[in-house]
C-alpha atoms as a PDB file:
ATOM      1  CA  MET A   1     -31.329  39.022  -2.305  1.00  0.00           C
ATOM      2  CA  LEU A   2     -29.911  36.111  -4.071  1.00  0.00           C
ATOM      3  CA  ASP A   3     -31.084  37.291  -7.673  1.00  0.00           C
ATOM      4  CA  LEU A   4     -29.383  40.895  -6.675  1.00  0.00           C
ATOM      5  CA  ARG A   5     -25.861  39.111  -5.847  1.00  0.00           C
ATOM      6  CA  ARG A   6     -25.963  36.904  -9.309  1.00  0.00           C
ATOM      7  CA  ARG A   7     -26.822  39.781 -11.422  1.00  0.00           C
ATOM      8  CA  GLN A   8     -23.890  42.091  -9.643  1.00  0.00           C
ATOM      9  CA  PHE A   9     -21.851  39.108 -10.204  1.00  0.00           C
ATOM     10  CA  ILE A  10     -22.411  38.451 -13.837  1.00  0.00           C
ATOM     11  CA  THR A  11     -22.327  42.400 -14.605  1.00  0.00           C
ATOM     12  CA  LEU A  12     -18.564  42.035 -12.523  1.00  0.00           C
ATOM     13  CA  LEU A  13     -17.602  39.102 -15.005  1.00  0.00           C
ATOM     14  CA  GLY A  14     -18.977  40.796 -17.959  1.00  0.00           C
ATOM     15  CA  GLY A  15     -16.795  43.627 -17.377  1.00  0.00           C
ATOM     16  CA  ALA A  16     -13.596  41.494 -16.488  1.00  0.00           C
ATOM     17  CA  ALA A  17     -13.865  39.616 -19.716  1.00  0.00           C
ATOM     18  CA  ALA A  18     -14.189  42.944 -21.558  1.00  0.00           C
ATOM     19  CA  TRP A  19     -10.646  44.325 -19.904  1.00  0.00           C
ATOM     20  CA  PRO A  20      -8.701  42.547 -22.150  1.00  0.00           C
ATOM     21  CA  LEU A  21     -10.469  43.921 -24.934  1.00  0.00           C
ATOM     22  CA  ALA A  22     -10.285  47.318 -24.192  1.00  0.00           C
ATOM     23  CA  ALA A  23      -6.501  46.804 -23.657  1.00  0.00           C
ATOM     24  CA  ARG A  24      -6.160  45.765 -26.980  1.00  0.00           C
ATOM     25  CA  ALA A  25      -8.127  48.575 -28.544  1.00  0.00           C
ATOM     26  CA  GLN A  26      -5.845  50.864 -26.548  1.00  0.00           C
ATOM     27  CA  GLN A  27      -2.749  49.461 -27.824  1.00  0.00           C
ATOM     28  CA  PRO A  28      -1.263  51.396 -30.790  1.00  0.00           C
ATOM     29  CA  ALA A  29      -2.125  50.004 -34.395  1.00  0.00           C
ATOM     30  CA  MET A  30       0.528  47.954 -36.397  1.00  0.00           C
ATOM     31  CA  PRO A  31       2.679  50.149 -38.670  1.00  0.00           C
ATOM     32  CA  VAL A  32       2.504  49.329 -42.398  1.00  0.00           C
ATOM     33  CA  VAL A  33       5.415  49.780 -44.474  1.00  0.00           C
ATOM     34  CA  GLY A  34       5.046  49.810 -48.267  1.00  0.00           C
ATOM     35  CA  PHE A  35       7.283  48.139 -51.005  1.00  0.00           C
ATOM     36  CA  LEU A  36       7.379  48.646 -54.342  1.00  0.00           C
ATOM     37  CA  GLY A  37       9.336  46.215 -56.719  1.00  0.00           C
ATOM     38  CA  LEU A  38      10.063  46.539 -60.461  1.00  0.00           C
ATOM     39  CA  GLY A  39      10.570  42.720 -60.687  1.00  0.00           C
ATOM     40  CA  SER A  40       8.719  39.319 -59.154  1.00  0.00           C
ATOM     41  CA  PRO A  41       9.326  37.990 -55.589  1.00  0.00           C
ATOM     42  CA  GLY A  42      10.903  35.214 -56.894  1.00  0.00           C
ATOM     43  CA  GLY A  43      13.654  37.350 -58.429  1.00  0.00           C
ATOM     44  CA  THR A  44      14.257  39.390 -55.352  1.00  0.00           C
ATOM     45  CA  ALA A  45      14.018  37.029 -52.658  1.00  0.00           C
ATOM     46  CA  LEU A  46      17.769  37.563 -51.356  1.00  0.00           C
ATOM     47  CA  ARG A  47      17.098  41.258 -51.608  1.00  0.00           C
ATOM     48  CA  VAL A  48      13.626  41.016 -49.238  1.00  0.00           C
ATOM     49  CA  SER A  49      15.717  38.984 -46.864  1.00  0.00           C
ATOM     50  CA  GLY A  50      18.198  41.429 -46.562  1.00  0.00           C
ATOM     51  CA  PHE A  51      15.446  44.077 -46.263  1.00  0.00           C
ATOM     52  CA  LEU A  52      13.930  42.271 -43.302  1.00  0.00           C
ATOM     53  CA  LYS A  53      17.059  41.623 -41.716  1.00  0.00           C
ATOM     54  CA  GLY A  54      17.656  45.523 -41.368  1.00  0.00           C
ATOM     55  CA  LEU A  55      14.360  45.895 -39.760  1.00  0.00           C
ATOM     56  CA  ARG A  56      15.004  43.072 -37.385  1.00  0.00           C
ATOM     57  CA  GLU A  57      18.293  44.878 -36.320  1.00  0.00           C
ATOM     58  CA  ILE A  58      16.211  48.066 -35.540  1.00  0.00           C
ATOM     59  CA  GLY A  59      13.229  45.979 -33.413  1.00  0.00           C
ATOM     60  CA  PHE A  60      10.565  45.405 -36.399  1.00  0.00           C
ATOM     61  CA  VAL A  61      10.232  41.744 -37.229  1.00  0.00           C
ATOM     62  CA  GLU A  62       7.057  41.256 -40.082  1.00  0.00           C
ATOM     63  CA  GLY A  63       4.055  39.976 -38.566  1.00  0.00           C
ATOM     64  CA  GLN A  64       4.568  40.983 -35.020  1.00  0.00           C
ATOM     65  CA  ASN A  65       5.134  44.674 -34.850  1.00  0.00           C
ATOM     66  CA  VAL A  66       5.277  45.712 -38.165  1.00  0.00           C
ATOM     67  CA  ALA A  67       2.864  44.870 -41.682  1.00  0.00           C
ATOM     68  CA  ILE A  68       4.580  44.969 -45.325  1.00  0.00           C
ATOM     69  CA  GLU A  69       2.336  45.867 -48.046  1.00  0.00           C
ATOM     70  CA  TYR A  70       4.285  44.361 -51.315  1.00  0.00           C
ATOM     71  CA  ARG A  71       3.438  45.578 -54.846  1.00  0.00           C
ATOM     72  CA  TRP A  72       5.512  43.949 -57.546  1.00  0.00           C
ATOM     73  CA  SER A  73       5.407  45.555 -61.229  1.00  0.00           C
ATOM     74  CA  GLN A  74       6.239  42.175 -62.649  1.00  0.00           C
ATOM     75  CA  GLY A  75       9.148  44.135 -65.016  1.00  0.00           C
ATOM     76  CA  GLN A  76       6.345  46.317 -66.461  1.00  0.00           C
ATOM     77  CA  PHE A  77       7.379  49.870 -65.847  1.00  0.00           C
ATOM     78  CA  ASP A  78       3.959  51.442 -67.149  1.00  0.00           C
ATOM     79  CA  ARG A  79       2.158  49.591 -64.029  1.00  0.00           C
ATOM     80  CA  LEU A  80       4.168  51.487 -61.452  1.00  0.00           C
ATOM     81  CA  PRO A  81       2.248  54.818 -61.426  1.00  0.00           C
ATOM     82  CA  ALA A  82      -0.923  52.614 -60.437  1.00  0.00           C
ATOM     83  CA  LEU A  83       0.746  50.577 -57.969  1.00  0.00           C
ATOM     84  CA  ALA A  84       2.410  53.538 -56.240  1.00  0.00           C
ATOM     85  CA  ALA A  85      -0.980  55.457 -56.019  1.00  0.00           C
ATOM     86  CA  ASP A  86      -2.596  51.865 -54.595  1.00  0.00           C
ATOM     87  CA  LEU A  87       0.331  52.209 -51.728  1.00  0.00           C
ATOM     88  CA  VAL A  88      -0.167  55.951 -51.172  1.00  0.00           C
ATOM     89  CA  ARG A  89      -4.012  55.140 -50.574  1.00  0.00           C
ATOM     90  CA  HIS A  90      -3.150  52.633 -47.778  1.00  0.00           C
ATOM     91  CA  GLN A  91      -1.785  55.342 -46.015  1.00  0.00           C
ATOM     92  CA  VAL A  92       1.376  53.229 -45.336  1.00  0.00           C
ATOM     93  CA  ALA A  93       3.969  54.675 -42.608  1.00  0.00           C
ATOM     94  CA  ALA A  94       7.256  54.211 -44.938  1.00  0.00           C
ATOM     95  CA  ILE A  95       7.870  52.697 -48.433  1.00  0.00           C
ATOM     96  CA  LEU A  96      10.916  51.133 -49.871  1.00  0.00           C
ATOM     97  CA  ALA A  97      11.288  51.973 -53.508  1.00  0.00           C
ATOM     98  CA  ILE A  98      13.415  49.778 -56.079  1.00  0.00           C
ATOM     99  CA  GLY A  99      14.912  51.589 -58.722  1.00  0.00           C
ATOM    100  CA  PRO A 100      14.349  55.495 -60.331  1.00  0.00           C
ATOM    101  CA  PRO A 101      11.107  54.399 -61.918  1.00  0.00           C
ATOM    102  CA  SER A 102       9.441  53.446 -58.725  1.00  0.00           C
ATOM    103  CA  VAL A 103      11.119  56.454 -56.716  1.00  0.00           C
ATOM    104  CA  ARG A 104       9.457  58.793 -59.602  1.00  0.00           C
ATOM    105  CA  ALA A 105       6.068  57.062 -59.487  1.00  0.00           C
ATOM    106  CA  LEU A 106       6.085  57.596 -55.623  1.00  0.00           C
ATOM    107  CA  LYS A 107       7.151  60.957 -55.977  1.00  0.00           C
ATOM    108  CA  ALA A 108       4.152  61.625 -58.378  1.00  0.00           C
ATOM    109  CA  GLN A 109       1.911  60.783 -55.918  1.00  0.00           C
ATOM    110  CA  THR A 110       3.233  62.047 -52.421  1.00  0.00           C
ATOM    111  CA  THR A 111       5.395  64.426 -50.742  1.00  0.00           C
ATOM    112  CA  ALA A 112       4.543  63.215 -47.351  1.00  0.00           C
ATOM    113  CA  ILE A 113       5.330  59.519 -46.635  1.00  0.00           C
ATOM    114  CA  PRO A 114       9.169  59.090 -46.129  1.00  0.00           C
ATOM    115  CA  ILE A 115      10.296  57.013 -49.205  1.00  0.00           C
ATOM    116  CA  VAL A 116      13.452  55.267 -48.708  1.00  0.00           C
ATOM    117  CA  PHE A 117      14.754  53.659 -52.202  1.00  0.00           C
ATOM    118  CA  ALA A 118      17.511  51.185 -53.254  1.00  0.00           C
ATOM    119  CA  MET A 119      19.166  51.526 -56.889  1.00  0.00           C
ATOM    120  CA  GLY A 120      22.027  51.126 -58.825  1.00  0.00           C
ATOM    121  CA  GLU A 121      22.316  54.423 -60.191  1.00  0.00           C
ATOM    122  CA  ASP A 122      23.169  57.873 -58.889  1.00  0.00           C
ATOM    123  CA  PRO A 123      20.161  59.333 -57.316  1.00  0.00           C
ATOM    124  CA  VAL A 124      21.797  62.753 -57.549  1.00  0.00           C
ATOM    125  CA  LYS A 125      22.078  62.453 -61.244  1.00  0.00           C
ATOM    126  CA  GLU A 126      18.996  60.601 -61.720  1.00  0.00           C
ATOM    127  CA  GLY A 127      17.575  64.076 -59.921  1.00  0.00           C
ATOM    128  CA  LEU A 128      15.697  62.364 -57.143  1.00  0.00           C
ATOM    129  CA  VAL A 129      17.602  63.950 -54.198  1.00  0.00           C
ATOM    130  CA  VAL A 130      19.519  67.489 -53.906  1.00  0.00           C
ATOM    131  CA  SER A 131      22.991  65.992 -52.502  1.00  0.00           C
ATOM    132  CA  LEU A 132      23.877  62.616 -50.920  1.00  0.00           C
ATOM    133  CA  ASN A 133      24.671  64.560 -47.538  1.00  0.00           C
ATOM    134  CA  ARG A 134      21.550  66.207 -47.396  1.00  0.00           C
ATOM    135  CA  PRO A 135      18.530  64.545 -49.724  1.00  0.00           C
ATOM    136  CA  GLY A 136      16.048  67.059 -49.000  1.00  0.00           C
ATOM    137  CA  GLY A 137      12.406  66.390 -49.266  1.00  0.00           C
ATOM    138  CA  ASN A 138      10.553  63.131 -48.448  1.00  0.00           C
ATOM    139  CA  VAL A 139      13.031  60.607 -50.249  1.00  0.00           C
ATOM    140  CA  THR A 140      16.550  59.099 -49.104  1.00  0.00           C
ATOM    141  CA  GLY A 141      18.065  55.512 -49.517  1.00  0.00           C
ATOM    142  CA  VAL A 142      21.279  53.332 -50.775  1.00  0.00           C
ATOM    143  CA  SER A 143      22.988  53.364 -53.637  1.00  0.00           C
ATOM    144  CA  TYR A 144      24.539  50.313 -54.656  1.00  0.00           C
ATOM    145  CA  PHE A 145      26.097  51.016 -57.941  1.00  0.00           C
ATOM    146  CA  SER A 146      24.784  48.331 -60.326  1.00  0.00           C
ATOM    147  CA  ASN A 147      24.547  50.233 -62.891  1.00  0.00           C
ATOM    148  CA  LEU A 148      27.587  52.067 -62.498  1.00  0.00           C
ATOM    149  CA  LEU A 149      30.014  48.881 -63.059  1.00  0.00           C
ATOM    150  CA  PHE A 150      29.690  47.984 -66.664  1.00  0.00           C
ATOM    151  CA  ALA A 151      33.196  48.707 -67.406  1.00  0.00           C
ATOM    152  CA  LYS A 152      34.355  46.402 -64.768  1.00  0.00           C
ATOM    153  CA  ARG A 153      32.113  43.532 -65.796  1.00  0.00           C
ATOM    154  CA  LEU A 154      33.451  43.979 -69.326  1.00  0.00           C
ATOM    155  CA  GLN A 155      37.395  44.119 -68.313  1.00  0.00           C
ATOM    156  CA  LEU A 156      36.667  40.678 -66.310  1.00  0.00           C
ATOM    157  CA  LEU A 157      34.900  39.289 -69.337  1.00  0.00           C
ATOM    158  CA  HIS A 158      37.915  40.593 -71.574  1.00  0.00           C
ATOM    159  CA  GLU A 159      40.264  38.589 -69.285  1.00  0.00           C
ATOM    160  CA  CYS A 160      38.410  35.203 -69.977  1.00  0.00           C
ATOM    161  CA  VAL A 161      38.060  36.172 -73.628  1.00  0.00           C
ATOM    162  CA  SER A 162      40.684  38.353 -74.714  1.00  0.00           C
ATOM    163  CA  ALA A 163      40.881  36.855 -78.245  1.00  0.00           C
ATOM    164  CA  ALA A 164      37.288  37.670 -79.095  1.00  0.00           C
ATOM    165  CA  ALA A 165      36.616  40.656 -81.442  1.00  0.00           C
ATOM    166  CA  VAL A 166      33.114  41.187 -81.020  1.00  0.00           C
ATOM    167  CA  LEU A 167      31.421  41.389 -77.351  1.00  0.00           C
ATOM    168  CA  ALA A 168      27.409  41.992 -76.834  1.00  0.00           C
ATOM    169  CA  LEU A 169      25.717  43.832 -74.117  1.00  0.00           C
ATOM    170  CA  LEU A 170      22.219  42.956 -73.843  1.00  0.00           C
ATOM    171  CA  VAL A 171      19.446  45.023 -72.481  1.00  0.00           C
ATOM    172  CA  ASN A 172      15.762  45.990 -72.239  1.00  0.00           C
ATOM    173  CA  PRO A 173      14.856  48.615 -74.316  1.00  0.00           C
ATOM    174  CA  LYS A 174      11.859  49.420 -72.419  1.00  0.00           C
ATOM    175  CA  ASN A 175      14.176  50.004 -69.148  1.00  0.00           C
ATOM    176  CA  PRO A 176      15.186  54.055 -68.877  1.00  0.00           C
ATOM    177  CA  ASN A 177      18.789  52.550 -67.817  1.00  0.00           C
ATOM    178  CA  ALA A 178      19.281  50.531 -71.361  1.00  0.00           C
ATOM    179  CA  GLU A 179      20.751  53.883 -73.140  1.00  0.00           C
ATOM    180  CA  PRO A 180      23.259  55.122 -70.435  1.00  0.00           C
ATOM    181  CA  ASP A 181      24.070  51.563 -69.967  1.00  0.00           C
ATOM    182  CA  ALA A 182      25.256  51.091 -73.598  1.00  0.00           C
ATOM    183  CA  ARG A 183      27.269  54.077 -73.502  1.00  0.00           C
ATOM    184  CA  GLU A 184      29.197  53.072 -70.372  1.00  0.00           C
ATOM    185  CA  THR A 185      29.956  49.599 -71.746  1.00  0.00           C
ATOM    186  CA  GLN A 186      30.716  50.938 -75.491  1.00  0.00           C
ATOM    187  CA  ALA A 187      33.294  53.477 -74.243  1.00  0.00           C
ATOM    188  CA  ALA A 188      34.975  50.636 -71.813  1.00  0.00           C
ATOM    189  CA  ALA A 189      34.671  48.574 -75.004  1.00  0.00           C
ATOM    190  CA  ASP A 190      36.658  50.992 -77.093  1.00  0.00           C
ATOM    191  CA  ALA A 191      39.287  51.183 -74.523  1.00  0.00           C
ATOM    192  CA  LEU A 192      40.176  47.475 -74.611  1.00  0.00           C
ATOM    193  CA  GLY A 193      39.765  47.284 -78.278  1.00  0.00           C
ATOM    194  CA  HIS A 194      36.680  45.188 -78.726  1.00  0.00           C
ATOM    195  CA  GLN A 195      33.880  45.625 -80.965  1.00  0.00           C
ATOM    196  CA  LEU A 196      30.302  45.935 -78.984  1.00  0.00           C
ATOM    197  CA  GLN A 197      27.113  45.047 -80.358  1.00  0.00           C
ATOM    198  CA  VAL A 198      23.870  46.066 -78.175  1.00  0.00           C
ATOM    199  CA  LEU A 199      21.181  43.451 -78.170  1.00  0.00           C
ATOM    200  CA  THR A 200      17.641  44.053 -76.771  1.00  0.00           C
ATOM    201  CA  ALA A 201      15.273  42.007 -75.092  1.00  0.00           C
ATOM    202  CA  SER A 202      11.996  42.904 -73.705  1.00  0.00           C
ATOM    203  CA  THR A 203      10.263  39.784 -73.798  1.00  0.00           C
ATOM    204  CA  GLU A 204      10.681  35.826 -73.013  1.00  0.00           C
ATOM    205  CA  HIS A 205      11.003  35.244 -76.586  1.00  0.00           C
ATOM    206  CA  ASP A 206      13.305  38.048 -77.048  1.00  0.00           C
ATOM    207  CA  LEU A 207      16.015  36.274 -75.050  1.00  0.00           C
ATOM    208  CA  GLU A 208      15.868  33.429 -77.421  1.00  0.00           C
ATOM    209  CA  THR A 209      16.164  35.732 -80.299  1.00  0.00           C
ATOM    210  CA  ALA A 210      19.274  37.254 -79.170  1.00  0.00           C
ATOM    211  CA  PHE A 211      20.964  34.465 -78.060  1.00  0.00           C
ATOM    212  CA  ASP A 212      20.150  33.038 -82.110  1.00  0.00           C
ATOM    213  CA  ALA A 213      21.822  36.425 -82.976  1.00  0.00           C
ATOM    214  CA  MET A 214      24.940  36.125 -80.968  1.00  0.00           C
ATOM    215  CA  VAL A 215      25.459  32.650 -82.715  1.00  0.00           C
ATOM    216  CA  GLN A 216      24.909  33.779 -86.034  1.00  0.00           C
ATOM    217  CA  ARG A 217      27.510  36.812 -85.378  1.00  0.00           C
ATOM    218  CA  HIS A 218      30.116  34.674 -83.799  1.00  0.00           C
ATOM    219  CA  ILE A 219      30.260  37.057 -80.556  1.00  0.00           C
ATOM    220  CA  GLY A 220      32.447  36.001 -78.152  1.00  0.00           C
ATOM    221  CA  GLY A 221      30.973  37.050 -74.830  1.00  0.00           C
ATOM    222  CA  LEU A 222      27.792  38.903 -73.585  1.00  0.00           C
ATOM    223  CA  ILE A 223      27.682  41.584 -70.692  1.00  0.00           C
ATOM    224  CA  VAL A 224      23.930  41.301 -69.273  1.00  0.00           C
ATOM    225  CA  GLY A 225      22.176  44.453 -68.416  1.00  0.00           C
ATOM    226  CA  VAL A 226      20.313  45.246 -65.024  1.00  0.00           C
ATOM    227  CA  ASP A 227      16.702  44.201 -65.601  1.00  0.00           C
ATOM    228  CA  PRO A 228      13.907  42.589 -64.022  1.00  0.00           C
ATOM    229  CA  LEU A 229      13.541  40.471 -67.282  1.00  0.00           C
ATOM    230  CA  PHE A 230      17.088  38.829 -67.017  1.00  0.00           C
ATOM    231  CA  VAL A 231      17.135  38.211 -63.202  1.00  0.00           C
ATOM    232  CA  ASP A 232      13.679  37.321 -62.338  1.00  0.00           C
ATOM    233  CA  ARG A 233      13.884  33.697 -63.916  1.00  0.00           C
ATOM    234  CA  PRO A 234      17.587  33.159 -62.488  1.00  0.00           C
ATOM    235  CA  GLU A 235      18.065  29.693 -64.477  1.00  0.00           C
ATOM    236  CA  ARG A 236      16.782  30.961 -67.802  1.00  0.00           C
ATOM    237  CA  LEU A 237      19.923  32.965 -68.995  1.00  0.00           C
ATOM    238  CA  PRO A 238      22.355  30.391 -67.858  1.00  0.00           C
ATOM    239  CA  ALA A 239      20.533  27.607 -69.674  1.00  0.00           C
ATOM    240  CA  LEU A 240      20.249  29.707 -72.695  1.00  0.00           C
ATOM    241  CA  ALA A 241      24.327  30.607 -72.679  1.00  0.00           C
ATOM    242  CA  ALA A 242      24.973  27.020 -71.887  1.00  0.00           C
ATOM    243  CA  ARG A 243      23.209  25.741 -74.649  1.00  0.00           C
ATOM    244  CA  ASN A 244      24.904  28.502 -77.083  1.00  0.00           C
ATOM    245  CA  GLY A 245      28.058  28.168 -75.830  1.00  0.00           C
ATOM    246  CA  VAL A 246      28.217  31.916 -74.889  1.00  0.00           C
ATOM    247  CA  PRO A 247      30.406  32.863 -72.185  1.00  0.00           C
ATOM    248  CA  VAL A 248      28.073  35.540 -70.087  1.00  0.00           C
ATOM    249  CA  ILE A 249      28.824  37.928 -66.897  1.00  0.00           C
ATOM    250  CA  PHE A 250      25.960  38.993 -64.815  1.00  0.00           C
ATOM    251  CA  ASP A 251      25.532  41.972 -62.461  1.00  0.00           C
ATOM    252  CA  ARG A 252      24.145  39.325 -59.610  1.00  0.00           C
ATOM    253  CA  ARG A 253      25.504  36.220 -57.438  1.00  0.00           C
ATOM    254  CA  GLU A 254      22.120  34.238 -57.853  1.00  0.00           C
ATOM    255  CA  LEU A 255      23.103  33.830 -61.906  1.00  0.00           C
ATOM    256  CA  PRO A 256      26.117  32.070 -61.454  1.00  0.00           C
ATOM    257  CA  ALA A 257      24.719  29.766 -58.530  1.00  0.00           C
ATOM    258  CA  THR A 258      22.284  28.771 -61.338  1.00  0.00           C
ATOM    259  CA  GLY A 259      24.909  27.883 -63.728  1.00  0.00           C
ATOM    260  CA  GLY A 260      26.017  31.255 -65.171  1.00  0.00           C
ATOM    261  CA  LEU A 261      30.008  31.646 -65.896  1.00  0.00           C
ATOM    262  CA  MET A 262      30.319  34.761 -63.661  1.00  0.00           C
ATOM    263  CA  SER A 263      29.009  37.764 -61.901  1.00  0.00           C
ATOM    264  CA  TYR A 264      30.353  40.973 -60.560  1.00  0.00           C
ATOM    265  CA  GLY A 265      28.062  43.749 -58.480  1.00  0.00           C
ATOM    266  CA  THR A 266      27.238  44.996 -55.136  1.00  0.00           C
ATOM    267  CA  ASP A 267      26.438  42.643 -52.473  1.00  0.00           C
ATOM    268  CA  THR A 268      22.419  43.800 -52.402  1.00  0.00           C
ATOM    269  CA  ALA A 269      21.536  41.669 -49.692  1.00  0.00           C
ATOM    270  CA  ASP A 270      23.762  43.775 -47.645  1.00  0.00           C
ATOM    271  CA  ALA A 271      22.426  47.148 -49.302  1.00  0.00           C
ATOM    272  CA  TYR A 272      18.853  46.189 -48.678  1.00  0.00           C
ATOM    273  CA  ARG A 273      19.976  45.591 -45.141  1.00  0.00           C
ATOM    274  CA  HIS A 274      20.662  49.108 -44.529  1.00  0.00           C
ATOM    275  CA  CYS A 275      17.761  49.954 -46.377  1.00  0.00           C
ATOM    276  CA  GLY A 276      15.965  48.439 -43.978  1.00  0.00           C
ATOM    277  CA  ASN A 277      17.710  49.910 -41.236  1.00  0.00           C
ATOM    278  CA  TYR A 278      16.424  53.311 -42.796  1.00  0.00           C
ATOM    279  CA  VAL A 279      12.948  52.402 -42.334  1.00  0.00           C
ATOM    280  CA  GLY A 280      13.097  51.058 -39.518  1.00  0.00           C
ATOM    281  CA  ARG A 281      14.667  54.534 -37.988  1.00  0.00           C
ATOM    282  CA  ILE A 282      11.831  56.421 -39.789  1.00  0.00           C
ATOM    283  CA  LEU A 283       9.065  54.146 -38.174  1.00  0.00           C
ATOM    284  CA  LYS A 284      11.079  55.231 -34.879  1.00  0.00           C
ATOM    285  CA  GLY A 285      10.473  58.926 -35.431  1.00  0.00           C
ATOM    286  CA  GLU A 286      13.500  59.952 -37.811  1.00  0.00           C
ATOM    287  CA  LYS A 287      12.875  61.735 -41.035  1.00  0.00           C
ATOM    288  CA  PRO A 288      14.169  61.136 -44.407  1.00  0.00           C
ATOM    289  CA  THR A 289      15.885  64.583 -44.892  1.00  0.00           C
ATOM    290  CA  ASP A 290      18.155  63.748 -41.949  1.00  0.00           C
ATOM    291  CA  LEU A 291      19.347  60.305 -43.042  1.00  0.00           C
ATOM    292  CA  PRO A 292      22.183  60.815 -45.589  1.00  0.00           C
ATOM    293  CA  VAL A 293      22.162  58.648 -48.821  1.00  0.00           C
ATOM    294  CA  LEU A 294      24.299  55.716 -48.081  1.00  0.00           C
ATOM    295  CA  GLN A 295      26.692  54.546 -50.761  1.00  0.00           C
ATOM    296  CA  SER A 296      27.284  50.498 -50.814  1.00  0.00           C
ATOM    297  CA  THR A 297      30.842  49.225 -50.764  1.00  0.00           C
ATOM    298  CA  LYS A 298      30.743  45.846 -50.322  1.00  0.00           C
ATOM    299  CA  PHE A 299      31.097  44.111 -53.723  1.00  0.00           C
ATOM    300  CA  GLU A 300      31.210  40.747 -54.752  1.00  0.00           C
ATOM    301  CA  PHE A 301      32.947  38.867 -57.773  1.00  0.00           C
ATOM    302  CA  VAL A 302      31.863  35.204 -58.341  1.00  0.00           C
ATOM    303  CA  ILE A 303      32.814  32.497 -60.739  1.00  0.00           C
ATOM    304  CA  ASN A 304      31.349  29.073 -61.608  1.00  0.00           C
ATOM    305  CA  LEU A 305      34.153  26.601 -62.618  1.00  0.00           C
ATOM    306  CA  LYS A 306      32.367  23.712 -63.440  1.00  0.00           C
ATOM    307  CA  THR A 307      30.560  26.281 -66.391  1.00  0.00           C
ATOM    308  CA  ALA A 308      34.025  27.515 -67.295  1.00  0.00           C
ATOM    309  CA  LYS A 309      35.210  23.824 -68.095  1.00  0.00           C
ATOM    310  CA  ALA A 310      31.931  23.433 -70.192  1.00  0.00           C
ATOM    311  CA  LEU A 311      32.956  26.377 -72.105  1.00  0.00           C
ATOM    312  CA  GLY A 312      36.230  25.669 -72.569  1.00  0.00           C
ATOM    313  CA  ILE A 313      37.267  28.594 -70.538  1.00  0.00           C
ATOM    314  CA  THR A 314      40.439  28.726 -68.020  1.00  0.00           C
ATOM    315  CA  PHE A 315      40.318  31.527 -66.153  1.00  0.00           C
ATOM    316  CA  PRO A 316      43.341  33.312 -65.705  1.00  0.00           C
ATOM    317  CA  PRO A 317      45.099  33.294 -62.217  1.00  0.00           C
ATOM    318  CA  GLY A 318      44.823  36.847 -61.392  1.00  0.00           C
ATOM    319  CA  VAL A 319      40.762  36.309 -62.306  1.00  0.00           C
ATOM    320  CA  LEU A 320      40.578  33.568 -59.793  1.00  0.00           C
ATOM    321  CA  ALA A 321      42.998  35.439 -57.195  1.00  0.00           C
ATOM    322  CA  ILE A 322      40.387  38.221 -56.709  1.00  0.00           C
ATOM    323  CA  ALA A 323      37.110  36.129 -56.745  1.00  0.00           C
ATOM    324  CA  ASP A 324      35.147  36.135 -53.406  1.00  0.00           C
ATOM    325  CA  GLU A 325      33.446  33.022 -54.220  1.00  0.00           C
ATOM    326  CA  VAL A 326      34.298  29.979 -56.304  1.00  0.00           C
ATOM    327  CA  ILE A 327      31.603  27.656 -57.465  1.00  0.00           C
ATOM    328  CA  GLU A 328      33.126  24.163 -58.188  1.00  0.00           C
END
């Protein structure tokens, strides 16, 4: 009789120990979100932070109730198809895609997984959505105009080096944006009476060559294009500009913060926050086709007075007055 009671007690104890395991087995699996980036984690840190903030605002915290699979092309556009296919194989619940090349790579792999993009281009002109209000299909996101602001950047550079006869634009010829960016900047240079030379760089060594060419050609200022090669190393280009005495305007605030002269562009951390909101809403059941493409309207102009002094540049009062941040 004693052995019988002991066996019953052990059976009950074993069942009790199994209850938490059974309860955990009944809990829904943690959703997984894909992240397909054009550059590297270091060059995109502020943007990733904005994205995670947006997710938190909707109730999703990485590592607690959502997992994120990051994939980085390191600026190598030919890697995007394989990275996109890998994310699709993971059967992620939604994917954040950076830039039109990432979106196209994903669209070639899936019409079912929701894709939320972050890009500086016009997604309608890029053929990625039907319209801003009704994007259609499995794609929506945020356009933050970065690639549409070259005329404004040239105008700001002109205000600081108005006597310069020749200015330059630096682009990566492997980036699909290189040609349209050059056209827009050329039109702005013509309107202001500047000659414009387009310089190219697709490797680290090319950057050295480009700055050597600027010195040899007596180029008075540089507009840097939008490309992972130029921003994934936030100290590299400011250092080259300082060494060669070239005034440069960038598209991201990270560059003046590390010694660049100035930047003008969208507050991309805020744009990525909106992307996080959209991904969170999709995880809660909303569909991309019902979420209109958002257009970021929060811009920022950052200047570095210490760098200006080293270059012998005095910012006109009107330029100083419109700066959102002045680094001293």
